[in-house]
Amino acid sequence: MEFTKGDNRFYKKDEDKLVAEITYVPKGEDVDVNHTFVDPSLRGHGIAEKLVDRVVEEMEKEGKKIIPSCPYVGKLFERKPEKYGHIHSK
């Protein structure tokens, strides 16, 4: 699934309906990932993790770490430290 980059977010729309989104706020040298949304009809397909991966990819390019204030992102970082430990701002 391809996501569109917006102002401090990545998202996916089907027609005019928002079906997936992750948002972040710059915090100095880091970014605070503060919200993840996936439409109920698409849940269980790994889309939220793909959104996180897209933000991780972008922040790696920018040399920034992620503060995971979104509960989903925080739990994902805890569950998969081997995948996200290098980008997690602790």
C-alpha atoms as a PDB file:
ATOM      1  CA  MET A   1       0.000   0.000   0.000  1.00  0.00           C
ATOM      2  CA  GLU A   2       1.304   3.417  -0.961  1.00  0.00           C
ATOM      3  CA  PHE A   3       0.856   6.362   1.380  1.00  0.00           C
ATOM      4  CA  THR A   4       0.693  10.048   0.523  1.00  0.00           C
ATOM      5  CA  LYS A   5       3.032  12.364   2.418  1.00  0.00           C
ATOM      6  CA  GLY A   6       1.314  15.431   3.820  1.00  0.00           C
ATOM      7  CA  ASP A   7       2.245  18.058   6.382  1.00  0.00           C
ATOM      8  CA  ASN A   8       3.586  15.979   9.278  1.00  0.00           C
ATOM      9  CA  ARG A   9       1.609  12.917   8.243  1.00  0.00           C
ATOM     10  CA  PHE A  10       1.311   9.975   5.902  1.00  0.00           C
ATOM     11  CA  TYR A  11      -2.128   8.875   4.810  1.00  0.00           C
ATOM     12  CA  LYS A  12      -4.230   6.856   2.398  1.00  0.00           C
ATOM     13  CA  LYS A  13      -7.607   7.838   0.983  1.00  0.00           C
ATOM     14  CA  ASP A  14     -10.065   5.693  -0.954  1.00  0.00           C
ATOM     15  CA  GLU A  15     -12.065   8.056  -3.107  1.00  0.00           C
ATOM     16  CA  ASP A  16     -12.688  10.893  -0.641  1.00  0.00           C
ATOM     17  CA  LYS A  17     -12.593   8.829   2.554  1.00  0.00           C
ATOM     18  CA  LEU A  18      -9.567   8.713   4.857  1.00  0.00           C
ATOM     19  CA  VAL A  19      -8.759   5.028   5.478  1.00  0.00           C
ATOM     20  CA  ALA A  20      -5.322   5.201   7.123  1.00  0.00           C
ATOM     21  CA  GLU A  21      -3.195   7.910   8.712  1.00  0.00           C
ATOM     22  CA  ILE A  22      -0.213   8.478  10.968  1.00  0.00           C
ATOM     23  CA  THR A  23       0.717  11.930  12.272  1.00  0.00           C
ATOM     24  CA  TYR A  24       3.791  13.378  13.926  1.00  0.00           C
ATOM     25  CA  VAL A  25       5.000  16.654  15.427  1.00  0.00           C
ATOM     26  CA  PRO A  26       8.606  17.891  15.224  1.00  0.00           C
ATOM     27  CA  LYS A  27      10.204  18.155  18.681  1.00  0.00           C
ATOM     28  CA  GLY A  28      13.677  19.649  18.225  1.00  0.00           C
ATOM     29  CA  GLU A  29      15.966  16.898  16.931  1.00  0.00           C
ATOM     30  CA  ASP A  30      13.200  14.282  17.248  1.00  0.00           C
ATOM     31  CA  VAL A  31       9.594  13.792  16.135  1.00  0.00           C
ATOM     32  CA  ASP A  32       6.637  12.822  18.287  1.00  0.00           C
ATOM     33  CA  VAL A  33       4.477  10.231  16.516  1.00  0.00           C
ATOM     34  CA  ASN A  34       1.181  11.025  18.202  1.00  0.00           C
ATOM     35  CA  HIS A  35      -1.641   9.382  16.240  1.00  0.00           C
ATOM     36  CA  THR A  36      -2.329   6.303  14.119  1.00  0.00           C
ATOM     37  CA  PHE A  37      -5.649   5.505  12.475  1.00  0.00           C
ATOM     38  CA  VAL A  38      -6.790   2.607  10.285  1.00  0.00           C
ATOM     39  CA  ASP A  39     -10.380   2.283   9.127  1.00  0.00           C
ATOM     40  CA  PRO A  40     -12.102  -0.669  10.853  1.00  0.00           C
ATOM     41  CA  SER A  41     -12.670  -2.359   7.482  1.00  0.00           C
ATOM     42  CA  LEU A  42      -8.885  -2.573   6.967  1.00  0.00           C
ATOM     43  CA  ARG A  43      -7.732  -3.551  10.464  1.00  0.00           C
ATOM     44  CA  GLY A  44      -5.853  -6.788  10.922  1.00  0.00           C
ATOM     45  CA  HIS A  45      -3.912  -6.441   7.660  1.00  0.00           C
ATOM     46  CA  GLY A  46      -0.729  -4.868   9.049  1.00  0.00           C
ATOM     47  CA  ILE A  47      -1.504  -1.421   7.667  1.00  0.00           C
ATOM     48  CA  ALA A  48      -0.759   0.411  10.931  1.00  0.00           C
ATOM     49  CA  GLU A  49       2.698  -1.155  11.082  1.00  0.00           C
ATOM     50  CA  LYS A  50       3.274  -0.183   7.441  1.00  0.00           C
ATOM     51  CA  LEU A  51       2.410   3.402   8.371  1.00  0.00           C
ATOM     52  CA  VAL A  52       4.954   3.256  11.208  1.00  0.00           C
ATOM     53  CA  ASP A  53       7.530   1.806   8.820  1.00  0.00           C
ATOM     54  CA  ARG A  54       6.936   4.687   6.422  1.00  0.00           C
ATOM     55  CA  VAL A  55       7.534   7.253   9.182  1.00  0.00           C
ATOM     56  CA  VAL A  56      10.633   5.331  10.301  1.00  0.00           C
ATOM     57  CA  GLU A  57      11.962   5.398   6.731  1.00  0.00           C
ATOM     58  CA  GLU A  58      11.427   9.161   6.520  1.00  0.00           C
ATOM     59  CA  MET A  59      12.991   9.875   9.911  1.00  0.00           C
ATOM     60  CA  GLU A  60      16.025   7.724   9.083  1.00  0.00           C
ATOM     61  CA  LYS A  61      16.577   9.907   5.996  1.00  0.00           C
ATOM     62  CA  GLU A  62      16.298  13.028   8.159  1.00  0.00           C
ATOM     63  CA  GLY A  63      18.513  11.623  10.940  1.00  0.00           C
ATOM     64  CA  LYS A  64      15.777  11.979  13.558  1.00  0.00           C
ATOM     65  CA  LYS A  65      14.570   9.726  16.365  1.00  0.00           C
ATOM     66  CA  ILE A  66      10.934   8.970  17.175  1.00  0.00           C
ATOM     67  CA  ILE A  67       9.118   9.722  20.422  1.00  0.00           C
ATOM     68  CA  PRO A  68       6.182   7.271  20.375  1.00  0.00           C
ATOM     69  CA  SER A  69       3.379   9.062  22.250  1.00  0.00           C
ATOM     70  CA  CYS A  70       0.759   7.188  20.201  1.00  0.00           C
ATOM     71  CA  PRO A  71      -0.098   4.082  22.264  1.00  0.00           C
ATOM     72  CA  TYR A  72       0.003   1.803  19.214  1.00  0.00           C
ATOM     73  CA  VAL A  73       3.479   2.985  18.200  1.00  0.00           C
ATOM     74  CA  GLY A  74       4.787   2.707  21.769  1.00  0.00           C
ATOM     75  CA  LYS A  75       3.576  -0.884  22.067  1.00  0.00           C
ATOM     76  CA  LEU A  76       4.943  -1.767  18.627  1.00  0.00           C
ATOM     77  CA  PHE A  77       8.362  -0.388  19.579  1.00  0.00           C
ATOM     78  CA  GLU A  78       8.264  -2.464  22.807  1.00  0.00           C
ATOM     79  CA  ARG A  79       7.218  -5.642  20.961  1.00  0.00           C
ATOM     80  CA  LYS A  80       9.825  -5.285  18.216  1.00  0.00           C
ATOM     81  CA  PRO A  81      12.951  -3.634  19.657  1.00  0.00           C
ATOM     82  CA  GLU A  82      15.102  -5.435  17.085  1.00  0.00           C
ATOM     83  CA  LYS A  83      13.251  -3.588  14.319  1.00  0.00           C
ATOM     84  CA  TYR A  84      12.701  -0.200  15.957  1.00  0.00           C
ATOM     85  CA  GLY A  85      15.284   0.143  18.743  1.00  0.00           C
ATOM     86  CA  HIS A  86      17.641   2.202  16.571  1.00  0.00           C
ATOM     87  CA  ILE A  87      15.012   4.887  15.889  1.00  0.00           C
ATOM     88  CA  HIS A  88      13.305   5.014  19.319  1.00  0.00           C
ATOM     89  CA  SER A  89      14.074   8.202  21.261  1.00  0.00           C
ATOM     90  CA  LYS A  90      14.189   7.081  24.877  1.00  0.00           C
END
